[in-house]
Amino acid sequence: MVSPHPDAPTFRKTAAIPSMTATAIRVILNTPHRQMPDITLTSQETRDAAAYILTLKEER
């Protein structure tokens, strides 16, 4: 899915940020954003999403 907001980073770009960690992703996912729908994830869903996003980090 592509965001309707052209400045929104993809999951792959988010994963590529050198300092990005699972904890940082969980904070991002649990922080309300002005122009995003209100999505409620369980703790397990948030952990799973963070783990998935980190799998997109390219090895160098």
C-alpha atoms as a PDB file:
ATOM      1  CA  MET A   1       0.000   0.000   0.000  1.00  0.00           C
ATOM      2  CA  VAL A   2       1.216   3.501  -0.809  1.00  0.00           C
ATOM      3  CA  SER A   3       0.552   6.375   1.546  1.00  0.00           C
ATOM      4  CA  PRO A   4      -1.494   9.290   0.240  1.00  0.00           C
ATOM      5  CA  HIS A   5       1.130  11.477   1.923  1.00  0.00           C
ATOM      6  CA  PRO A   6       4.168  11.724  -0.387  1.00  0.00           C
ATOM      7  CA  ASP A   7       6.516  12.621   2.486  1.00  0.00           C
ATOM      8  CA  ALA A   8       5.617   9.537   4.532  1.00  0.00           C
ATOM      9  CA  PRO A   9       8.587   7.147   4.691  1.00  0.00           C
ATOM     10  CA  THR A  10       8.154   3.575   3.533  1.00  0.00           C
ATOM     11  CA  PHE A  11       8.749   0.731   5.968  1.00  0.00           C
ATOM     12  CA  ARG A  12      11.991  -0.018   4.079  1.00  0.00           C
ATOM     13  CA  LYS A  13      13.208   3.588   4.531  1.00  0.00           C
ATOM     14  CA  THR A  14      12.224   3.493   8.184  1.00  0.00           C
ATOM     15  CA  ALA A  15      14.183   0.266   8.675  1.00  0.00           C
ATOM     16  CA  ALA A  16      17.208   1.795   6.912  1.00  0.00           C
ATOM     17  CA  ILE A  17      17.618   4.557   9.487  1.00  0.00           C
ATOM     18  CA  PRO A  18      20.875   3.535  11.226  1.00  0.00           C
ATOM     19  CA  SER A  19      19.595   4.172  14.755  1.00  0.00           C
ATOM     20  CA  MET A  20      16.224   2.464  14.200  1.00  0.00           C
ATOM     21  CA  THR A  21      15.427  -0.210  16.775  1.00  0.00           C
ATOM     22  CA  ALA A  22      12.397  -2.319  17.613  1.00  0.00           C
ATOM     23  CA  THR A  23      11.733  -0.061  20.597  1.00  0.00           C
ATOM     24  CA  ALA A  24      11.829   3.060  18.417  1.00  0.00           C
ATOM     25  CA  ILE A  25       9.405   1.488  15.933  1.00  0.00           C
ATOM     26  CA  ARG A  26       7.026   0.488  18.723  1.00  0.00           C
ATOM     27  CA  VAL A  27       7.057   4.094  19.989  1.00  0.00           C
ATOM     28  CA  ILE A  28       6.365   5.377  16.464  1.00  0.00           C
ATOM     29  CA  LEU A  29       3.469   2.950  16.039  1.00  0.00           C
ATOM     30  CA  ASN A  30       1.944   3.884  19.397  1.00  0.00           C
ATOM     31  CA  THR A  31       2.282   7.659  18.948  1.00  0.00           C
ATOM     32  CA  PRO A  32      -0.731   9.437  17.410  1.00  0.00           C
ATOM     33  CA  HIS A  33      -0.033  11.247  14.150  1.00  0.00           C
ATOM     34  CA  ARG A  34      -2.146  14.165  13.013  1.00  0.00           C
ATOM     35  CA  GLN A  35      -2.998  12.925   9.535  1.00  0.00           C
ATOM     36  CA  MET A  36      -3.242   9.208  10.196  1.00  0.00           C
ATOM     37  CA  PRO A  37      -6.285   7.140  11.053  1.00  0.00           C
ATOM     38  CA  ASP A  38      -6.577   6.048  14.666  1.00  0.00           C
ATOM     39  CA  ILE A  39      -5.370   2.451  14.605  1.00  0.00           C
ATOM     40  CA  THR A  40      -5.247   0.471  17.817  1.00  0.00           C
ATOM     41  CA  LEU A  41      -2.753  -2.384  17.901  1.00  0.00           C
ATOM     42  CA  THR A  42      -2.302  -4.893  20.679  1.00  0.00           C
ATOM     43  CA  SER A  43       1.135  -5.140  22.286  1.00  0.00           C
ATOM     44  CA  GLN A  44       1.777  -8.343  20.327  1.00  0.00           C
ATOM     45  CA  GLU A  45       0.709  -6.739  17.036  1.00  0.00           C
ATOM     46  CA  THR A  46       3.017  -3.797  17.697  1.00  0.00           C
ATOM     47  CA  ARG A  47       5.938  -6.155  18.441  1.00  0.00           C
ATOM     48  CA  ASP A  48       5.152  -8.183  15.310  1.00  0.00           C
ATOM     49  CA  ALA A  49       4.961  -5.063  13.121  1.00  0.00           C
ATOM     50  CA  ALA A  50       8.261  -3.756  14.507  1.00  0.00           C
ATOM     51  CA  ALA A  51       9.928  -7.124  13.893  1.00  0.00           C
ATOM     52  CA  TYR A  52       8.602  -7.195  10.325  1.00  0.00           C
ATOM     53  CA  ILE A  53       9.788  -3.656   9.571  1.00  0.00           C
ATOM     54  CA  LEU A  54      13.272  -4.514  10.831  1.00  0.00           C
ATOM     55  CA  THR A  55      13.421  -7.485   8.431  1.00  0.00           C
ATOM     56  CA  LEU A  56      13.387  -4.919   5.626  1.00  0.00           C
ATOM     57  CA  LYS A  57      16.738  -3.496   6.717  1.00  0.00           C
ATOM     58  CA  GLU A  58      19.263  -4.229   3.995  1.00  0.00           C
ATOM     59  CA  GLU A  59      22.514  -5.823   5.061  1.00  0.00           C
ATOM     60  CA  ARG A  60      25.595  -3.840   4.115  1.00  0.00           C
END
